[in-house]
PDB file of N, CA and C in Angstrom:
ATOM      1  N   LEU A   1     114.324  32.417 161.533  1.00  0.00           N
ATOM      2  CA  LEU A   1     113.574  31.790 162.709  1.00  0.00           C
ATOM      3  C   LEU A   1     113.156  30.372 162.102  1.00  0.00           C
ATOM      4  N   ALA A   2     112.652  30.339 161.079  1.00  0.00           N
ATOM      5  CA  ALA A   2     112.041  28.975 160.641  1.00  0.00           C
ATOM      6  C   ALA A   2     113.170  27.894 160.483  1.00  0.00           C
ATOM      7  N   ARG A   3     114.364  28.420 160.161  1.00  0.00           N
ATOM      8  CA  ARG A   3     115.500  27.408 160.170  1.00  0.00           C
ATOM      9  C   ARG A   3     116.028  26.904 161.603  1.00  0.00           C
ATOM     10  N   ARG A   4     115.501  27.808 162.586  1.00  0.00           N
ATOM     11  CA  ARG A   4     115.669  27.364 164.005  1.00  0.00           C
ATOM     12  C   ARG A   4     114.671  26.638 164.503  1.00  0.00           C
ATOM     13  N   GLY A   5     113.588  26.304 163.706  1.00  0.00           N
ATOM     14  CA  GLY A   5     112.419  25.564 164.317  1.00  0.00           C
ATOM     15  C   GLY A   5     111.242  26.297 164.716  1.00  0.00           C
ATOM     16  N   ALA A   6     111.304  27.646 164.465  1.00  0.00           N
ATOM     17  CA  ALA A   6     110.063  28.339 164.898  1.00  0.00           C
ATOM     18  C   ALA A   6     109.015  28.032 163.884  1.00  0.00           C
ATOM     19  N   ALA A   7     107.747  28.193 164.305  1.00  0.00           N
ATOM     20  CA  ALA A   7     106.541  27.951 163.510  1.00  0.00           C
ATOM     21  C   ALA A   7     106.138  29.379 163.195  1.00  0.00           C
ATOM     22  N   LEU A   8     106.103  29.824 161.899  1.00  0.00           N
ATOM     23  CA  LEU A   8     105.740  31.121 161.451  1.00  0.00           C
ATOM     24  C   LEU A   8     104.438  31.322 160.966  1.00  0.00           C
ATOM     25  N   LEU A   9     103.603  32.176 161.290  1.00  0.00           N
ATOM     26  CA  LEU A   9     102.268  32.479 160.931  1.00  0.00           C
ATOM     27  C   LEU A   9     102.307  33.821 160.222  1.00  0.00           C
ATOM     28  N   HIS A  10     101.820  33.831 158.950  1.00  0.00           N
ATOM     29  CA  HIS A  10     101.689  35.226 158.275  1.00  0.00           C
ATOM     30  C   HIS A  10     100.422  35.629 158.453  1.00  0.00           C
ATOM     31  N   ALA A  11     100.315  36.881 159.036  1.00  0.00           N
ATOM     32  CA  ALA A  11      98.957  37.659 159.214  1.00  0.00           C
ATOM     33  C   ALA A  11      99.066  38.899 158.360  1.00  0.00           C
ATOM     34  N   HIS A  12      98.181  38.955 157.256  1.00  0.00           N
ATOM     35  CA  HIS A  12      97.956  40.037 156.517  1.00  0.00           C
ATOM     36  C   HIS A  12      97.106  40.984 157.170  1.00  0.00           C
ATOM     37  N   VAL A  13      97.532  42.122 157.864  1.00  0.00           N
ATOM     38  CA  VAL A  13      96.579  42.993 158.519  1.00  0.00           C
ATOM     39  C   VAL A  13      96.334  44.277 157.992  1.00  0.00           C
ATOM     40  N   TYR A  14      97.181  44.499 156.836  1.00  0.00           N
ATOM     41  CA  TYR A  14      97.185  45.875 156.177  1.00  0.00           C
ATOM     42  C   TYR A  14      97.080  45.826 154.745  1.00  0.00           C
ATOM     43  N   ARG A  15      96.303  46.369 153.928  1.00  0.00           N
ATOM     44  CA  ARG A  15      96.479  46.414 152.624  1.00  0.00           C
ATOM     45  C   ARG A  15      95.949  47.585 151.993  1.00  0.00           C
ATOM     46  N   ARG A  16      96.697  48.389 151.234  1.00  0.00           N
ATOM     47  CA  ARG A  16      96.262  49.481 150.618  1.00  0.00           C
ATOM     48  C   ARG A  16      95.461  49.097 149.484  1.00  0.00           C
ATOM     49  N   MET A  17      94.159  49.908 149.470  1.00  0.00           N
ATOM     50  CA  MET A  17      93.256  49.535 148.404  1.00  0.00           C
ATOM     51  C   MET A  17      92.832  51.003 147.877  1.00  0.00           C
ATOM     52  N   PRO A  18      92.568  50.920 146.459  1.00  0.00           N
ATOM     53  CA  PRO A  18      92.050  52.227 146.037  1.00  0.00           C
ATOM     54  C   PRO A  18      90.676  52.590 146.493  1.00  0.00           C
ATOM     55  N   PRO A  19      90.310  53.724 146.615  1.00  0.00           N
ATOM     56  CA  PRO A  19      88.905  54.177 147.183  1.00  0.00           C
ATOM     57  C   PRO A  19      87.889  53.682 146.195  1.00  0.00           C
ATOM     58  N   ARG A  20      86.714  53.205 146.704  1.00  0.00           N
ATOM     59  CA  ARG A  20      85.641  52.669 145.778  1.00  0.00           C
ATOM     60  C   ARG A  20      84.632  53.753 145.769  1.00  0.00           C
ATOM     61  N   LEU A  21      84.852  54.938 145.020  1.00  0.00           N
ATOM     62  CA  LEU A  21      84.024  56.108 144.905  1.00  0.00           C
ATOM     63  C   LEU A  21      83.072  55.964 143.833  1.00  0.00           C
ATOM     64  N   THR A  22      81.891  56.325 144.083  1.00  0.00           N
ATOM     65  CA  THR A  22      80.882  56.261 143.034  1.00  0.00           C
ATOM     66  C   THR A  22      80.451  57.737 142.561  1.00  0.00           C
ATOM     67  N   ARG A  23      79.440  57.869 141.793  1.00  0.00           N
ATOM     68  CA  ARG A  23      78.951  59.206 141.321  1.00  0.00           C
ATOM     69  C   ARG A  23      78.161  59.727 142.585  1.00  0.00           C
ATOM     70  N   ARG A  24      77.685  59.015 143.501  1.00  0.00           N
ATOM     71  CA  ARG A  24      76.929  59.460 144.791  1.00  0.00           C
ATOM     72  C   ARG A  24      78.137  60.197 145.548  1.00  0.00           C
ATOM     73  N   HIS A  25      79.341  59.745 145.607  1.00  0.00           N
ATOM     74  CA  HIS A  25      80.411  60.373 146.461  1.00  0.00           C
ATOM     75  C   HIS A  25      80.682  61.810 145.706  1.00  0.00           C
ATOM     76  N   ALA A  26      80.822  61.941 144.578  1.00  0.00           N
ATOM     77  CA  ALA A  26      81.212  62.993 143.731  1.00  0.00           C
ATOM     78  C   ALA A  26      80.033  63.978 143.855  1.00  0.00           C
ATOM     79  N   GLU A  27      78.726  63.587 143.793  1.00  0.00           N
ATOM     80  CA  GLU A  27      77.656  64.480 143.916  1.00  0.00           C
ATOM     81  C   GLU A  27      77.519  65.118 145.347  1.00  0.00           C
ATOM     82  N   ALA A  28      77.810  64.231 146.353  1.00  0.00           N
ATOM     83  CA  ALA A  28      77.992  64.685 147.668  1.00  0.00           C
ATOM     84  C   ALA A  28      78.972  65.773 147.981  1.00  0.00           C
ATOM     85  N   LEU A  29      80.212  65.515 147.299  1.00  0.00           N
ATOM     86  CA  LEU A  29      81.197  66.484 147.379  1.00  0.00           C
ATOM     87  C   LEU A  29      80.929  67.711 146.654  1.00  0.00           C
ATOM     88  N   ALA A  30      80.215  67.671 145.534  1.00  0.00           N
ATOM     89  CA  ALA A  30      79.798  68.959 144.933  1.00  0.00           C
ATOM     90  C   ALA A  30      78.665  69.673 145.624  1.00  0.00           C
ATOM     91  N   ALA A  31      77.875  69.022 146.436  1.00  0.00           N
ATOM     92  CA  ALA A  31      76.915  69.785 147.178  1.00  0.00           C
ATOM     93  C   ALA A  31      77.305  70.060 148.636  1.00  0.00           C
ATOM     94  N   ALA A  32      78.598  69.689 149.087  1.00  0.00           N
ATOM     95  CA  ALA A  32      78.963  69.829 150.494  1.00  0.00           C
ATOM     96  C   ALA A  32      79.188  71.434 150.598  1.00  0.00           C
ATOM     97  N   ARG A  33      78.857  71.839 151.839  1.00  0.00           N
ATOM     98  CA  ARG A  33      79.103  73.362 152.165  1.00  0.00           C
ATOM     99  C   ARG A  33      80.551  73.270 152.728  1.00  0.00           C
ATOM    100  N   GLY A  34      81.228  74.361 152.478  1.00  0.00           N
ATOM    101  CA  GLY A  34      82.666  74.603 152.984  1.00  0.00           C
ATOM    102  C   GLY A  34      82.671  74.881 154.404  1.00  0.00           C
ATOM    103  N   PRO A  35      83.699  74.885 155.013  1.00  0.00           N
ATOM    104  CA  PRO A  35      85.000  74.647 154.358  1.00  0.00           C
ATOM    105  C   PRO A  35      85.168  73.128 154.280  1.00  0.00           C
ATOM    106  N   LEU A  36      86.000  72.619 153.336  1.00  0.00           N
ATOM    107  CA  LEU A  36      86.220  71.169 153.089  1.00  0.00           C
ATOM    108  C   LEU A  36      87.650  70.942 153.473  1.00  0.00           C
ATOM    109  N   TYR A  37      87.727  69.723 154.160  1.00  0.00           N
ATOM    110  CA  TYR A  37      89.025  69.281 154.616  1.00  0.00           C
ATOM    111  C   TYR A  37      89.330  67.921 154.194  1.00  0.00           C
ATOM    112  N   VAL A  38      90.427  67.493 153.752  1.00  0.00           N
ATOM    113  CA  VAL A  38      90.859  66.273 153.520  1.00  0.00           C
ATOM    114  C   VAL A  38      92.118  65.806 154.321  1.00  0.00           C
ATOM    115  N   LEU A  39      91.930  64.617 155.047  1.00  0.00           N
ATOM    116  CA  LEU A  39      93.237  64.375 155.776  1.00  0.00           C
ATOM    117  C   LEU A  39      93.961  63.130 155.091  1.00  0.00           C
ATOM    118  N   LEU A  40      95.277  63.475 154.819  1.00  0.00           N
ATOM    119  CA  LEU A  40      96.092  62.577 154.092  1.00  0.00           C
ATOM    120  C   LEU A  40      97.245  62.170 154.838  1.00  0.00           C
ATOM    121  N   SER A  41      97.501  60.852 154.791  1.00  0.00           N
ATOM    122  CA  SER A  41      98.817  60.360 155.408  1.00  0.00           C
ATOM    123  C   SER A  41      99.777  59.707 154.461  1.00  0.00           C
ATOM    124  N   SER A  42      99.430  59.581 153.134  1.00  0.00           N
ATOM    125  CA  SER A  42     100.488  59.155 152.147  1.00  0.00           C
ATOM    126  C   SER A  42     100.380  59.875 150.850  1.00  0.00           C
ATOM    127  N   ALA A  43     101.294  59.859 150.037  1.00  0.00           N
ATOM    128  CA  ALA A  43     101.207  60.359 148.671  1.00  0.00           C
ATOM    129  C   ALA A  43     100.397  59.353 147.738  1.00  0.00           C
ATOM    130  N   GLU A  44     100.521  58.066 148.164  1.00  0.00           N
ATOM    131  CA  GLU A  44      99.658  57.155 147.330  1.00  0.00           C
ATOM    132  C   GLU A  44      98.246  57.328 147.726  1.00  0.00           C
ATOM    133  N   ALA A  45      97.726  57.640 148.818  1.00  0.00           N
ATOM    134  CA  ALA A  45      96.430  57.989 149.102  1.00  0.00           C
ATOM    135  C   ALA A  45      95.778  59.234 148.370  1.00  0.00           C
ATOM    136  N   LEU A  46      96.785  60.223 148.366  1.00  0.00           N
ATOM    137  CA  LEU A  46      96.480  61.458 147.543  1.00  0.00           C
ATOM    138  C   LEU A  46      96.295  61.053 146.014  1.00  0.00           C
ATOM    139  N   ALA A  47      97.237  60.330 145.521  1.00  0.00           N
ATOM    140  CA  ALA A  47      97.118  60.068 144.000  1.00  0.00           C
ATOM    141  C   ALA A  47      95.943  59.196 143.712  1.00  0.00           C
ATOM    142  N   ARG A  48      95.563  58.103 144.765  1.00  0.00           N
ATOM    143  CA  ARG A  48      94.538  57.363 144.508  1.00  0.00           C
ATOM    144  C   ARG A  48      93.173  58.199 144.619  1.00  0.00           C
ATOM    145  N   LEU A  49      93.136  59.048 145.422  1.00  0.00           N
ATOM    146  CA  LEU A  49      91.919  59.828 145.636  1.00  0.00           C
ATOM    147  C   LEU A  49      91.733  60.778 144.360  1.00  0.00           C
ATOM    148  N   ARG A  50      92.787  61.259 143.847  1.00  0.00           N
ATOM    149  CA  ARG A  50      92.746  62.173 142.661  1.00  0.00           C
ATOM    150  C   ARG A  50      92.310  61.411 141.505  1.00  0.00           C
ATOM    151  N   ALA A  51      92.853  60.143 141.306  1.00  0.00           N
ATOM    152  CA  ALA A  51      92.455  59.375 140.221  1.00  0.00           C
ATOM    153  C   ALA A  51      90.957  58.861 140.129  1.00  0.00           C
ATOM    154  N   ALA A  52      90.511  58.732 141.459  1.00  0.00           N
ATOM    155  CA  ALA A  52      89.135  58.270 141.599  1.00  0.00           C
ATOM    156  C   ALA A  52      88.029  59.220 141.415  1.00  0.00           C
ATOM    157  N   LEU A  53      88.432  60.461 141.647  1.00  0.00           N
ATOM    158  CA  LEU A  53      87.387  61.477 141.465  1.00  0.00           C
ATOM    159  C   LEU A  53      87.278  62.073 140.144  1.00  0.00           C
ATOM    160  N   PRO A  54      86.032  62.446 139.587  1.00  0.00           N
ATOM    161  CA  PRO A  54      85.906  63.282 138.437  1.00  0.00           C
ATOM    162  C   PRO A  54      86.646  64.621 138.517  1.00  0.00           C
ATOM    163  N   ALA A  55      87.004  65.199 137.542  1.00  0.00           N
ATOM    164  CA  ALA A  55      87.860  66.397 137.538  1.00  0.00           C
ATOM    165  C   ALA A  55      86.909  67.607 138.370  1.00  0.00           C
ATOM    166  N   PRO A  56      85.695  67.676 138.110  1.00  0.00           N
ATOM    167  CA  PRO A  56      85.070  68.820 138.962  1.00  0.00           C
ATOM    168  C   PRO A  56      85.041  68.395 140.333  1.00  0.00           C
ATOM    169  N   ALA A  57      84.800  67.242 140.727  1.00  0.00           N
ATOM    170  CA  ALA A  57      84.874  66.890 142.097  1.00  0.00           C
ATOM    171  C   ALA A  57      86.315  67.071 142.806  1.00  0.00           C
ATOM    172  N   TRP A  58      87.215  66.734 141.989  1.00  0.00           N
ATOM    173  CA  TRP A  58      88.700  66.928 142.582  1.00  0.00           C
ATOM    174  C   TRP A  58      89.060  68.501 142.563  1.00  0.00           C
ATOM    175  N   SER A  59      88.469  69.281 141.775  1.00  0.00           N
ATOM    176  CA  SER A  59      88.675  70.826 141.723  1.00  0.00           C
ATOM    177  C   SER A  59      88.041  71.208 143.005  1.00  0.00           C
ATOM    178  N   ARG A  60      86.857  70.787 143.359  1.00  0.00           N
ATOM    179  CA  ARG A  60      86.101  71.211 144.605  1.00  0.00           C
ATOM    180  C   ARG A  60      86.903  70.896 145.723  1.00  0.00           C
ATOM    181  N   LEU A  61      87.343  69.552 145.873  1.00  0.00           N
ATOM    182  CA  LEU A  61      88.116  69.193 146.988  1.00  0.00           C
ATOM    183  C   LEU A  61      89.452  69.943 147.138  1.00  0.00           C
ATOM    184  N   ALA A  62      90.098  70.111 145.993  1.00  0.00           N
ATOM    185  CA  ALA A  62      91.406  70.778 146.085  1.00  0.00           C
ATOM    186  C   ALA A  62      91.167  72.377 146.478  1.00  0.00           C
ATOM    187  N   GLY A  63      90.015  72.772 146.455  1.00  0.00           N
ATOM    188  CA  GLY A  63      89.617  74.108 146.913  1.00  0.00           C
ATOM    189  C   GLY A  63      89.573  74.255 148.352  1.00  0.00           C
ATOM    190  N   GLY A  64      89.664  73.089 149.008  1.00  0.00           N
ATOM    191  CA  GLY A  64      89.474  72.994 150.514  1.00  0.00           C
ATOM    192  C   GLY A  64      91.104  72.897 151.078  1.00  0.00           C
ATOM    193  N   VAL A  65      91.086  72.473 152.291  1.00  0.00           N
ATOM    194  CA  VAL A  65      92.278  72.395 153.032  1.00  0.00           C
ATOM    195  C   VAL A  65      92.850  70.854 152.903  1.00  0.00           C
ATOM    196  N   ALA A  66      93.971  70.610 152.478  1.00  0.00           N
ATOM    197  CA  ALA A  66      94.703  69.410 152.652  1.00  0.00           C
ATOM    198  C   ALA A  66      95.379  69.243 154.045  1.00  0.00           C
ATOM    199  N   VAL A  67      95.197  68.448 154.765  1.00  0.00           N
ATOM    200  CA  VAL A  67      95.751  68.164 156.060  1.00  0.00           C
ATOM    201  C   VAL A  67      96.530  66.951 155.948  1.00  0.00           C
ATOM    202  N   VAL A  68      98.008  67.311 156.091  1.00  0.00           N
ATOM    203  CA  VAL A  68      99.015  66.144 155.552  1.00  0.00           C
ATOM    204  C   VAL A  68      99.933  65.805 156.803  1.00  0.00           C
ATOM    205  N   SER A  69     100.441  64.816 156.643  1.00  0.00           N
ATOM    206  CA  SER A  69     101.291  64.241 157.756  1.00  0.00           C
ATOM    207  C   SER A  69     102.830  64.442 157.670  1.00  0.00           C
ATOM    208  N   SER A  70     103.176  65.133 156.684  1.00  0.00           N
ATOM    209  CA  SER A  70     104.651  65.486 156.424  1.00  0.00           C
ATOM    210  C   SER A  70     104.897  66.614 155.438  1.00  0.00           C
ATOM    211  N   ALA A  71     106.171  67.211 155.590  1.00  0.00           N
ATOM    212  CA  ALA A  71     106.434  68.219 154.647  1.00  0.00           C
ATOM    213  C   ALA A  71     106.448  67.639 153.129  1.00  0.00           C
ATOM    214  N   ARG A  72     106.961  66.434 152.975  1.00  0.00           N
ATOM    215  CA  ARG A  72     106.956  65.773 151.625  1.00  0.00           C
ATOM    216  C   ARG A  72     105.495  65.704 151.198  1.00  0.00           C
ATOM    217  N   LEU A  73     104.622  65.297 151.931  1.00  0.00           N
ATOM    218  CA  LEU A  73     103.252  65.219 151.546  1.00  0.00           C
ATOM    219  C   LEU A  73     102.532  66.515 151.160  1.00  0.00           C
ATOM    220  N   ALA A  74     103.031  67.522 151.990  1.00  0.00           N
ATOM    221  CA  ALA A  74     102.624  68.905 151.815  1.00  0.00           C
ATOM    222  C   ALA A  74     102.988  69.393 150.431  1.00  0.00           C
ATOM    223  N   ALA A  75     104.083  69.112 150.068  1.00  0.00           N
ATOM    224  CA  ALA A  75     104.625  69.509 148.642  1.00  0.00           C
ATOM    225  C   ALA A  75     103.834  68.637 147.471  1.00  0.00           C
ATOM    226  N   ALA A  76     103.395  67.414 147.921  1.00  0.00           N
ATOM    227  CA  ALA A  76     102.788  66.617 146.774  1.00  0.00           C
ATOM    228  C   ALA A  76     101.274  67.211 146.774  1.00  0.00           C
ATOM    229  N   ALA A  77     100.741  67.621 147.738  1.00  0.00           N
ATOM    230  CA  ALA A  77      99.382  68.146 147.987  1.00  0.00           C
ATOM    231  C   ALA A  77      99.372  69.457 147.124  1.00  0.00           C
ATOM    232  N   ARG A  78     100.391  70.262 147.467  1.00  0.00           N
ATOM    233  CA  ARG A  78     100.362  71.551 146.508  1.00  0.00           C
ATOM    234  C   ARG A  78     100.534  71.272 144.944  1.00  0.00           C
ATOM    235  N   ARG A  79     101.333  70.197 144.690  1.00  0.00           N
ATOM    236  CA  ARG A  79     101.438  69.929 143.182  1.00  0.00           C
ATOM    237  C   ARG A  79     100.227  69.401 142.701  1.00  0.00           C
ATOM    238  N   ALA A  80      99.466  68.761 143.595  1.00  0.00           N
ATOM    239  CA  ALA A  80      98.212  68.134 143.100  1.00  0.00           C
ATOM    240  C   ALA A  80      96.942  69.176 142.962  1.00  0.00           C
ATOM    241  N   GLY A  81      97.260  70.412 143.487  1.00  0.00           N
ATOM    242  CA  GLY A  81      96.312  71.424 143.356  1.00  0.00           C
ATOM    243  C   GLY A  81      95.683  72.231 144.518  1.00  0.00           C
ATOM    244  N   PHE A  82      96.290  71.572 145.642  1.00  0.00           N
ATOM    245  CA  PHE A  82      95.792  72.329 146.930  1.00  0.00           C
ATOM    246  C   PHE A  82      96.555  73.574 147.263  1.00  0.00           C
ATOM    247  N   ALA A  83      95.931  74.615 147.449  1.00  0.00           N
ATOM    248  CA  ALA A  83      96.612  75.936 147.809  1.00  0.00           C
ATOM    249  C   ALA A  83      96.792  76.061 149.279  1.00  0.00           C
ATOM    250  N   ASP A  84      95.676  75.397 149.930  1.00  0.00           N
ATOM    251  CA  ASP A  84      95.831  75.567 151.399  1.00  0.00           C
ATOM    252  C   ASP A  84      96.146  74.119 151.998  1.00  0.00           C
ATOM    253  N   VAL A  85      97.331  73.993 152.671  1.00  0.00           N
ATOM    254  CA  VAL A  85      97.888  72.903 153.180  1.00  0.00           C
ATOM    255  C   VAL A  85      98.257  73.081 154.663  1.00  0.00           C
ATOM    256  N   ALA A  86      97.748  72.179 155.385  1.00  0.00           N
ATOM    257  CA  ALA A  86      98.202  72.294 156.869  1.00  0.00           C
ATOM    258  C   ALA A  86      98.961  71.003 157.096  1.00  0.00           C
ATOM    259  N   CYS A  87     100.153  71.008 157.919  1.00  0.00           N
ATOM    260  CA  CYS A  87     100.960  69.924 158.195  1.00  0.00           C
ATOM    261  C   CYS A  87     100.750  69.565 159.642  1.00  0.00           C
ATOM    262  N   ALA A  88     100.497  68.210 159.805  1.00  0.00           N
ATOM    263  CA  ALA A  88     100.283  67.764 161.166  1.00  0.00           C
ATOM    264  C   ALA A  88     101.614  67.205 161.660  1.00  0.00           C
ATOM    265  N   ARG A  89     101.665  67.047 162.884  1.00  0.00           N
ATOM    266  CA  ARG A  89     102.979  66.482 163.611  1.00  0.00           C
ATOM    267  C   ARG A  89     103.232  65.037 163.097  1.00  0.00           C
ATOM    268  N   SER A  90     102.206  64.199 162.642  1.00  0.00           N
ATOM    269  CA  SER A  90     102.419  62.889 162.358  1.00  0.00           C
ATOM    270  C   SER A  90     101.174  62.329 161.709  1.00  0.00           C
ATOM    271  N   ALA A  91     101.265  61.114 161.299  1.00  0.00           N
ATOM    272  CA  ALA A  91     100.226  60.426 160.476  1.00  0.00           C
ATOM    273  C   ALA A  91      99.129  59.946 161.449  1.00  0.00           C
ATOM    274  N   LEU A  92      99.347  59.971 162.851  1.00  0.00           N
ATOM    275  CA  LEU A  92      98.372  59.678 163.832  1.00  0.00           C
ATOM    276  C   LEU A  92      96.994  60.346 163.580  1.00  0.00           C
ATOM    277  N   ALA A  93      95.892  59.653 163.732  1.00  0.00           N
ATOM    278  CA  ALA A  93      94.617  60.354 163.535  1.00  0.00           C
ATOM    279  C   ALA A  93      94.421  61.578 164.507  1.00  0.00           C
ATOM    280  N   ALA A  94      94.849  61.445 165.770  1.00  0.00           N
ATOM    281  CA  ALA A  94      94.852  62.530 166.675  1.00  0.00           C
ATOM    282  C   ALA A  94      95.673  63.821 166.202  1.00  0.00           C
ATOM    283  N   ASP A  95      96.761  63.603 165.555  1.00  0.00           N
ATOM    284  CA  ASP A  95      97.526  64.747 165.139  1.00  0.00           C
ATOM    285  C   ASP A  95      96.879  65.284 163.845  1.00  0.00           C
ATOM    286  N   LEU A  96      96.318  64.472 162.986  1.00  0.00           N
ATOM    287  CA  LEU A  96      95.728  64.986 161.745  1.00  0.00           C
ATOM    288  C   LEU A  96      94.437  65.785 162.132  1.00  0.00           C
ATOM    289  N   LEU A  97      93.759  65.323 163.126  1.00  0.00           N
ATOM    290  CA  LEU A  97      92.545  66.000 163.515  1.00  0.00           C
ATOM    291  C   LEU A  97      92.972  67.386 164.268  1.00  0.00           C
ATOM    292  N   ALA A  98      94.047  67.229 165.038  1.00  0.00           N
ATOM    293  CA  ALA A  98      94.504  68.525 165.821  1.00  0.00           C
ATOM    294  C   ALA A  98      94.840  69.577 164.700  1.00  0.00           C
ATOM    295  N   ALA A  99      95.662  69.154 163.599  1.00  0.00           N
ATOM    296  CA  ALA A  99      95.979  70.047 162.583  1.00  0.00           C
ATOM    297  C   ALA A  99      94.767  70.556 161.787  1.00  0.00           C
ATOM    298  N   ALA A 100      93.700  69.765 161.574  1.00  0.00           N
ATOM    299  CA  ALA A 100      92.554  70.266 160.948  1.00  0.00           C
ATOM    300  C   ALA A 100      91.824  71.267 161.876  1.00  0.00           C
ATOM    301  N   THR A 101      91.755  71.040 163.147  1.00  0.00           N
ATOM    302  CA  THR A 101      91.125  71.973 163.940  1.00  0.00           C
ATOM    303  C   THR A 101      91.909  73.238 164.064  1.00  0.00           C
ATOM    304  N   ALA A 102      93.214  73.212 164.007  1.00  0.00           N
ATOM    305  CA  ALA A 102      93.915  74.483 163.994  1.00  0.00           C
ATOM    306  C   ALA A 102      93.875  75.207 162.788  1.00  0.00           C
ATOM    307  N   ALA A 103      93.868  74.598 161.570  1.00  0.00           N
ATOM    308  CA  ALA A 103      93.569  75.137 160.413  1.00  0.00           C
ATOM    309  C   ALA A 103      92.148  75.731 160.421  1.00  0.00           C
ATOM    310  N   HIS A 104      91.160  75.078 160.924  1.00  0.00           N
ATOM    311  CA  HIS A 104      89.814  75.771 160.818  1.00  0.00           C
ATOM    312  C   HIS A 104      89.839  76.835 161.691  1.00  0.00           C
ATOM    313  N   ALA A 105      90.515  77.035 162.679  1.00  0.00           N
ATOM    314  CA  ALA A 105      90.573  78.059 163.744  1.00  0.00           C
ATOM    315  C   ALA A 105      91.236  79.353 163.039  1.00  0.00           C
ATOM    316  N   ARG A 106      92.058  79.177 162.113  1.00  0.00           N
ATOM    317  CA  ARG A 106      92.699  80.479 161.477  1.00  0.00           C
ATOM    318  C   ARG A 106      91.922  81.265 160.622  1.00  0.00           C
TER     319      ARG A 106
END
């Protein structure tokens, strides 16, 4: 396009960042009443969340339900320690929430 004379504008509208979790987050997770749900749309998000949480907090979270956006991510969640995994139709928020609602109803 630029060679044809078009003016190009780069807009960075999305950037993956690791979560900024503190001790306060881990304490809240430890004190949370079940059931626990985590909605995941990427293996990268799963890996970053696992790396950011202390082992006891991760164990607590992995004792809950991982609501994932694909079969591939379901396998990754199981490898990461989740025994209960619900697969959504897509990574759209509405689909993830619908899968969480269905998982809660069972």
